[in-house]
C-alpha atoms as a PDB file:
ATOM      1  CA  MET A   1     181.147 145.843  79.873  1.00  0.00           C
ATOM      2  CA  ARG A   2     179.948 148.183  82.875  1.00  0.00           C
ATOM      3  CA  PHE A   3     180.912 147.061  86.391  1.00  0.00           C
ATOM      4  CA  ASP A   4     180.202 148.646  89.702  1.00  0.00           C
ATOM      5  CA  ILE A   5     181.530 146.292  92.536  1.00  0.00           C
ATOM      6  CA  PRO A   6     182.597 147.595  95.561  1.00  0.00           C
ATOM      7  CA  ALA A   7     185.421 146.660  97.826  1.00  0.00           C
ATOM      8  CA  GLU A   8     184.013 144.100  99.836  1.00  0.00           C
ATOM      9  CA  ALA A   9     184.641 140.283 101.043  1.00  0.00           C
ATOM     10  CA  LEU A  10     186.530 138.454  97.956  1.00  0.00           C
ATOM     11  CA  VAL A  11     184.220 135.482  97.821  1.00  0.00           C
ATOM     12  CA  LYS A  12     181.333 137.909  97.558  1.00  0.00           C
ATOM     13  CA  ALA A  13     182.861 139.990  95.158  1.00  0.00           C
ATOM     14  CA  LEU A  14     183.788 137.105  93.029  1.00  0.00           C
ATOM     15  CA  GLU A  15     180.287 135.850  93.054  1.00  0.00           C
ATOM     16  CA  THR A  16     179.142 139.229  92.019  1.00  0.00           C
ATOM     17  CA  PHE A  17     181.639 139.324  89.138  1.00  0.00           C
ATOM     18  CA  ALA A  18     180.493 135.841  87.973  1.00  0.00           C
ATOM     19  CA  THR A  19     176.738 136.630  88.126  1.00  0.00           C
ATOM     20  CA  ALA A  20     177.131 139.796  86.223  1.00  0.00           C
ATOM     21  CA  THR A  21     179.492 138.135  83.446  1.00  0.00           C
ATOM     22  CA  GLY A  22     178.271 134.659  83.297  1.00  0.00           C
ATOM     23  CA  CYS A  23     181.932 133.591  83.598  1.00  0.00           C
ATOM     24  CA  HIS A  24     182.751 130.458  85.476  1.00  0.00           C
ATOM     25  CA  LEU A  25     185.481 130.971  88.064  1.00  0.00           C
ATOM     26  CA  TYR A  26     187.786 128.149  89.285  1.00  0.00           C
ATOM     27  CA  TYR A  27     189.698 128.869  92.912  1.00  0.00           C
ATOM     28  CA  ASP A  28     190.180 127.392  96.215  1.00  0.00           C
ATOM     29  CA  SER A  29     187.789 129.280  98.210  1.00  0.00           C
ATOM     30  CA  SER A  30     189.739 128.643 101.542  1.00  0.00           C
ATOM     31  CA  LEU A  31     192.269 130.923  99.811  1.00  0.00           C
ATOM     32  CA  ALA A  32     189.795 133.778  99.294  1.00  0.00           C
ATOM     33  CA  ALA A  33     188.688 133.584 102.858  1.00  0.00           C
ATOM     34  CA  ASN A  34     189.194 136.628 104.817  1.00  0.00           C
ATOM     35  CA  ARG A  35     190.375 138.533 102.058  1.00  0.00           C
ATOM     36  CA  ARG A  36     188.891 141.783 100.361  1.00  0.00           C
ATOM     37  CA  SER A  37     188.468 142.735  96.676  1.00  0.00           C
ATOM     38  CA  ALA A  38     189.536 145.995  95.303  1.00  0.00           C
ATOM     39  CA  PRO A  39     186.496 148.395  93.843  1.00  0.00           C
ATOM     40  CA  VAL A  40     185.774 147.945  90.136  1.00  0.00           C
ATOM     41  CA  ALA A  41     183.884 150.556  88.792  1.00  0.00           C
ATOM     42  CA  GLY A  42     183.807 151.661  84.803  1.00  0.00           C
ATOM     43  CA  GLN A  43     183.977 150.039  81.550  1.00  0.00           C
ATOM     44  CA  PHE A  44     186.131 147.003  81.375  1.00  0.00           C
ATOM     45  CA  SER A  45     186.486 143.361  79.587  1.00  0.00           C
ATOM     46  CA  PRO A  46     185.671 140.622  81.989  1.00  0.00           C
ATOM     47  CA  ARG A  47     189.193 139.763  82.402  1.00  0.00           C
ATOM     48  CA  ALA A  48     190.379 143.289  82.907  1.00  0.00           C
ATOM     49  CA  ALA A  49     187.764 143.842  85.595  1.00  0.00           C
ATOM     50  CA  LEU A  50     188.532 140.506  87.101  1.00  0.00           C
ATOM     51  CA  GLN A  51     192.178 141.589  87.320  1.00  0.00           C
ATOM     52  CA  ALA A  52     191.055 145.044  89.030  1.00  0.00           C
ATOM     53  CA  LEU A  53     189.267 143.086  91.335  1.00  0.00           C
ATOM     54  CA  LEU A  54     192.009 140.943  92.487  1.00  0.00           C
ATOM     55  CA  ALA A  55     194.563 143.787  92.688  1.00  0.00           C
ATOM     56  CA  GLY A  56     196.485 143.516  96.009  1.00  0.00           C
ATOM     57  CA  THR A  57     195.541 140.257  96.599  1.00  0.00           C
ATOM     58  CA  GLY A  58     198.164 138.370  95.204  1.00  0.00           C
ATOM     59  CA  TYR A  59     195.848 136.222  92.824  1.00  0.00           C
ATOM     60  CA  ALA A  60     196.657 135.601  89.496  1.00  0.00           C
ATOM     61  CA  VAL A  61     194.039 135.333  86.513  1.00  0.00           C
ATOM     62  CA  THR A  62     194.426 132.620  83.798  1.00  0.00           C
ATOM     63  CA  PRO A  63     191.721 132.306  81.192  1.00  0.00           C
ATOM     64  CA  LEU A  64     190.776 129.156  80.158  1.00  0.00           C
ATOM     65  CA  ALA A  65     190.413 127.888  76.422  1.00  0.00           C
ATOM     66  CA  ASP A  66     186.713 128.905  76.078  1.00  0.00           C
ATOM     67  CA  GLN A  67     187.533 132.669  77.278  1.00  0.00           C
ATOM     68  CA  ASN A  68     184.358 132.595  79.237  1.00  0.00           C
ATOM     69  CA  ALA A  69     186.266 130.640  82.202  1.00  0.00           C
ATOM     70  CA  PHE A  70     189.367 131.680  84.348  1.00  0.00           C
ATOM     71  CA  THR A  71     191.492 129.998  86.977  1.00  0.00           C
ATOM     72  CA  ILE A  72     192.229 132.093  89.936  1.00  0.00           C
ATOM     73  CA  THR A  73     195.441 130.973  91.722  1.00  0.00           C
ATOM     74  CA  TYR A  74     197.597 132.131  94.644  1.00  0.00           C
ATOM     75  CA  PRO A  75     201.002 132.008  93.339  1.00  0.00           C
ATOM     76  CA  VAL A  76     203.602 130.536  95.923  1.00  0.00           C
ATOM     77  CA  GLN A  77     206.985 131.613  95.782  1.00  0.00           C
ATOM     78  CA  LYS A  78     209.086 130.531  93.015  1.00  0.00           C
ATOM     79  CA  SER A  79     212.716 130.192  91.923  1.00  0.00           C
ATOM     80  CA  ALA A  80     213.831 132.164  88.709  1.00  0.00           C
ATOM     81  CA  GLY A  81     212.240 130.866  85.490  1.00  0.00           C
ATOM     82  CA  GLN A  82     209.669 128.554  87.312  1.00  0.00           C
ATOM     83  CA  MET A  83     205.857 128.969  86.936  1.00  0.00           C
ATOM     84  CA  PRO A  84     204.508 129.169  90.729  1.00  0.00           C
ATOM     85  CA  LYS A  85     203.389 125.569  91.525  1.00  0.00           C
ATOM     86  CA  ALA A  86     199.815 126.624  92.419  1.00  0.00           C
ATOM     87  CA  GLN A  87     199.397 128.370  89.073  1.00  0.00           C
ATOM     88  CA  ASN A  88     201.194 125.504  87.251  1.00  0.00           C
ATOM     89  CA  LEU A  89     198.565 123.012  89.065  1.00  0.00           C
ATOM     90  CA  MET A  90     195.535 124.986  88.206  1.00  0.00           C
ATOM     91  CA  ALA A  91     196.633 125.182  84.434  1.00  0.00           C
ATOM     92  CA  SER A  92     197.039 121.371  84.401  1.00  0.00           C
ATOM     93  CA  PHE A  93     193.372 121.209  85.367  1.00  0.00           C
ATOM     94  CA  GLY A  94     191.939 123.771  83.125  1.00  0.00           C
ATOM     95  CA  PRO A  95     191.337 121.332  80.210  1.00  0.00           C
ATOM     96  CA  PHE A  96     189.703 118.621  82.308  1.00  0.00           C
ATOM     97  CA  LEU A  97     187.504 121.514  83.921  1.00  0.00           C
ATOM     98  CA  GLY A  98     186.265 122.368  80.503  1.00  0.00           C
ATOM     99  CA  VAL A  99     185.608 118.651  79.675  1.00  0.00           C
ATOM    100  CA  MET A 100     183.404 118.680  82.838  1.00  0.00           C
ATOM    101  CA  GLN A 101     181.469 121.867  82.277  1.00  0.00           C
ATOM    102  CA  SER A 102     180.427 120.921  78.738  1.00  0.00           C
ATOM    103  CA  ALA A 103     179.564 117.277  79.982  1.00  0.00           C
ATOM    104  CA  ILE A 104     177.341 118.416  82.862  1.00  0.00           C
ATOM    105  CA  SER A 105     175.789 121.316  80.894  1.00  0.00           C
ATOM    106  CA  ARG A 106     174.959 118.685  78.036  1.00  0.00           C
ATOM    107  CA  LYS A 107     173.404 116.188  80.442  1.00  0.00           C
ATOM    108  CA  LEU A 108     171.339 118.829  82.237  1.00  0.00           C
ATOM    109  CA  CYS A 109     170.051 120.391  79.000  1.00  0.00           C
ATOM    110  CA  ALA A 110     169.089 116.788  77.968  1.00  0.00           C
ATOM    111  CA  ASP A 111     166.516 116.701  80.735  1.00  0.00           C
ATOM    112  CA  THR A 112     163.319 118.632  79.519  1.00  0.00           C
ATOM    113  CA  ALA A 113     162.282 119.102  83.093  1.00  0.00           C
ATOM    114  CA  LEU A 114     165.391 121.323  83.712  1.00  0.00           C
ATOM    115  CA  GLN A 115     165.656 123.113  80.613  1.00  0.00           C
ATOM    116  CA  ALA A 116     163.042 125.747  81.523  1.00  0.00           C
ATOM    117  CA  GLU A 117     164.484 125.899  85.023  1.00  0.00           C
ATOM    118  CA  PRO A 118     165.341 129.743  85.543  1.00  0.00           C
ATOM    119  CA  GLY A 119     168.032 129.758  88.288  1.00  0.00           C
ATOM    120  CA  ASP A 120     171.568 129.516  88.823  1.00  0.00           C
ATOM    121  CA  ILE A 121     172.787 125.951  89.859  1.00  0.00           C
ATOM    122  CA  PHE A 122     175.536 125.338  92.290  1.00  0.00           C
ATOM    123  CA  LEU A 123     176.846 121.978  92.995  1.00  0.00           C
ATOM    124  CA  SER A 124     179.530 119.997  94.551  1.00  0.00           C
ATOM    125  CA  PHE A 125     180.679 116.783  93.590  1.00  0.00           C
ATOM    126  CA  TRP A 126     183.455 114.086  93.723  1.00  0.00           C
ATOM    127  CA  ILE A 127     184.963 111.974  90.974  1.00  0.00           C
ATOM    128  CA  ASP A 128     185.834 108.466  91.557  1.00  0.00           C
ATOM    129  CA  GLU A 129     188.659 106.271  90.434  1.00  0.00           C
ATOM    130  CA  SER A 130     187.037 105.462  87.223  1.00  0.00           C
ATOM    131  CA  GLY A 131     186.342 109.187  85.958  1.00  0.00           C
ATOM    132  CA  ALA A 132     182.746 109.245  86.996  1.00  0.00           C
ATOM    133  CA  ILE A 133     180.864 111.395  89.331  1.00  0.00           C
ATOM    134  CA  SER A 134     180.347 109.522  92.400  1.00  0.00           C
ATOM    135  CA  ASP A 135     178.545 111.919  95.039  1.00  0.00           C
ATOM    136  CA  VAL A 136     176.732 115.229  94.468  1.00  0.00           C
ATOM    137  CA  ARG A 137     175.408 118.028  96.752  1.00  0.00           C
ATOM    138  CA  ILE A 138     173.286 120.634  95.289  1.00  0.00           C
ATOM    139  CA  LEU A 139     173.842 123.714  97.027  1.00  0.00           C
ATOM    140  CA  LYS A 140     171.549 125.803  95.127  1.00  0.00           C
ATOM    141  CA  PRO A 141     168.555 125.961  94.519  1.00  0.00           C
ATOM    142  CA  ASP A 142     168.022 125.015  98.155  1.00  0.00           C
ATOM    143  CA  ASN A 143     164.373 125.390  98.218  1.00  0.00           C
ATOM    144  CA  ASP A 144     163.258 122.653  95.911  1.00  0.00           C
ATOM    145  CA  PRO A 145     164.075 119.012  96.847  1.00  0.00           C
ATOM    146  CA  ALA A 146     162.588 117.320  93.921  1.00  0.00           C
ATOM    147  CA  LEU A 147     164.479 119.678  91.696  1.00  0.00           C
ATOM    148  CA  ASN A 148     167.668 118.879  93.656  1.00  0.00           C
ATOM    149  CA  ALA A 149     166.872 114.982  93.413  1.00  0.00           C
ATOM    150  CA  GLU A 150     166.416 115.591  89.630  1.00  0.00           C
ATOM    151  CA  ILE A 151     169.892 117.399  89.216  1.00  0.00           C
ATOM    152  CA  GLY A 152     171.544 114.585  91.338  1.00  0.00           C
ATOM    153  CA  MET A 153     169.977 111.748  89.423  1.00  0.00           C
ATOM    154  CA  ASP A 154     170.883 113.288  85.967  1.00  0.00           C
ATOM    155  CA  ILE A 155     174.525 113.496  86.816  1.00  0.00           C
ATOM    156  CA  ILE A 156     175.307 110.733  89.238  1.00  0.00           C
ATOM    157  CA  GLY A 157     177.557 108.311  87.324  1.00  0.00           C
ATOM    158  CA  LEU A 158     178.303 110.748  84.695  1.00  0.00           C
ATOM    159  CA  SER A 159     181.687 109.748  83.070  1.00  0.00           C
ATOM    160  CA  PHE A 160     183.904 112.396  81.721  1.00  0.00           C
ATOM    161  CA  GLY A 161     185.754 109.978  79.442  1.00  0.00           C
ATOM    162  CA  GLN A 162     189.085 110.278  81.171  1.00  0.00           C
ATOM    163  CA  LEU A 163     190.696 110.623  84.714  1.00  0.00           C
ATOM    164  CA  PRO A 164     190.864 113.872  86.540  1.00  0.00           C
ATOM    165  CA  PRO A 165     194.528 115.389  86.493  1.00  0.00           C
ATOM    166  CA  ALA A 166     196.486 113.997  89.430  1.00  0.00           C
ATOM    167  CA  GLY A 167     196.233 116.321  92.627  1.00  0.00           C
ATOM    168  CA  MET A 168     192.817 118.083  91.591  1.00  0.00           C
ATOM    169  CA  PRO A 169     191.192 118.939  94.818  1.00  0.00           C
ATOM    170  CA  GLN A 170     187.801 117.581  95.607  1.00  0.00           C
ATOM    171  CA  PRO A 171     184.981 117.923  95.781  1.00  0.00           C
ATOM    172  CA  VAL A 172     184.581 120.063  92.780  1.00  0.00           C
ATOM    173  CA  THR A 173     182.422 123.054  93.114  1.00  0.00           C
ATOM    174  CA  MET A 174     180.775 124.302  90.013  1.00  0.00           C
ATOM    175  CA  VAL A 175     178.156 127.087  89.064  1.00  0.00           C
ATOM    176  CA  ILE A 176     175.993 126.802  85.902  1.00  0.00           C
ATOM    177  CA  PHE A 177     174.556 130.163  85.632  1.00  0.00           C
ATOM    178  CA  THR A 178     171.235 131.406  84.068  1.00  0.00           C
ATOM    179  CA  ALA A 179     171.836 133.285  80.756  1.00  0.00           C
ATOM    180  CA  ALA A 180     172.051 137.006  80.997  1.00  0.00           C
ATOM    181  CA  ALA A 181     168.773 138.695  79.248  1.00  0.00           C
ATOM    182  CA  ASP A 182     171.109 139.310  76.131  1.00  0.00           C
ATOM    183  CA  ASP A 183     173.018 135.807  75.938  1.00  0.00           C
ATOM    184  CA  GLU A 184     171.517 132.729  74.505  1.00  0.00           C
ATOM    185  CA  PRO A 185     169.507 130.362  76.698  1.00  0.00           C
ATOM    186  CA  ARG A 186     171.762 128.030  79.276  1.00  0.00           C
ATOM    187  CA  CYS A 187     170.346 125.309  76.903  1.00  0.00           C
ATOM    188  CA  ALA A 188     170.280 126.553  73.426  1.00  0.00           C
ATOM    189  CA  ALA A 189     168.565 124.594  70.816  1.00  0.00           C
ATOM    190  CA  ALA A 190     170.839 122.367  68.901  1.00  0.00           C
ATOM    191  CA  ASP A 191     171.208 122.970  65.186  1.00  0.00           C
END
């Protein structure tokens, strides 16, 4: 895949990367504040491009099971033979993040009014002690109150069938991207 991402604010560079690749990124955005990315220009796999983008920041990249999602962690000081605490925590969240992403995507795709919606959906939500979404904030699209209400009604109360891992920070912020022109649609028809 061809990349041309300049050195810029890290949060902006990560958004540009995610939009270009359709990859889902999970990271603590407060740790990315006031940091700059390295430039990335040329042909790279998404993982290699992400690692190049993060060069010099101290962040580590860990792919999740579906190979289309990554956790980005800032390793803390470690003693010999131990995985950094922050990376260990994010690794423990990975399977649950995948469950959340799949459940929310399935729920939104089941709503015929949202299937044709062309834009990316940015949302923040809280998970209650029963493992269900208890509060939702739609961050984008931000110009369509009716659509935002529809999205919120679809996922409020959605249960993931399990509790989130202990220590998982909330709210969870998730982006559901529009498929690139050569990808399958966000809501591909079931066989």
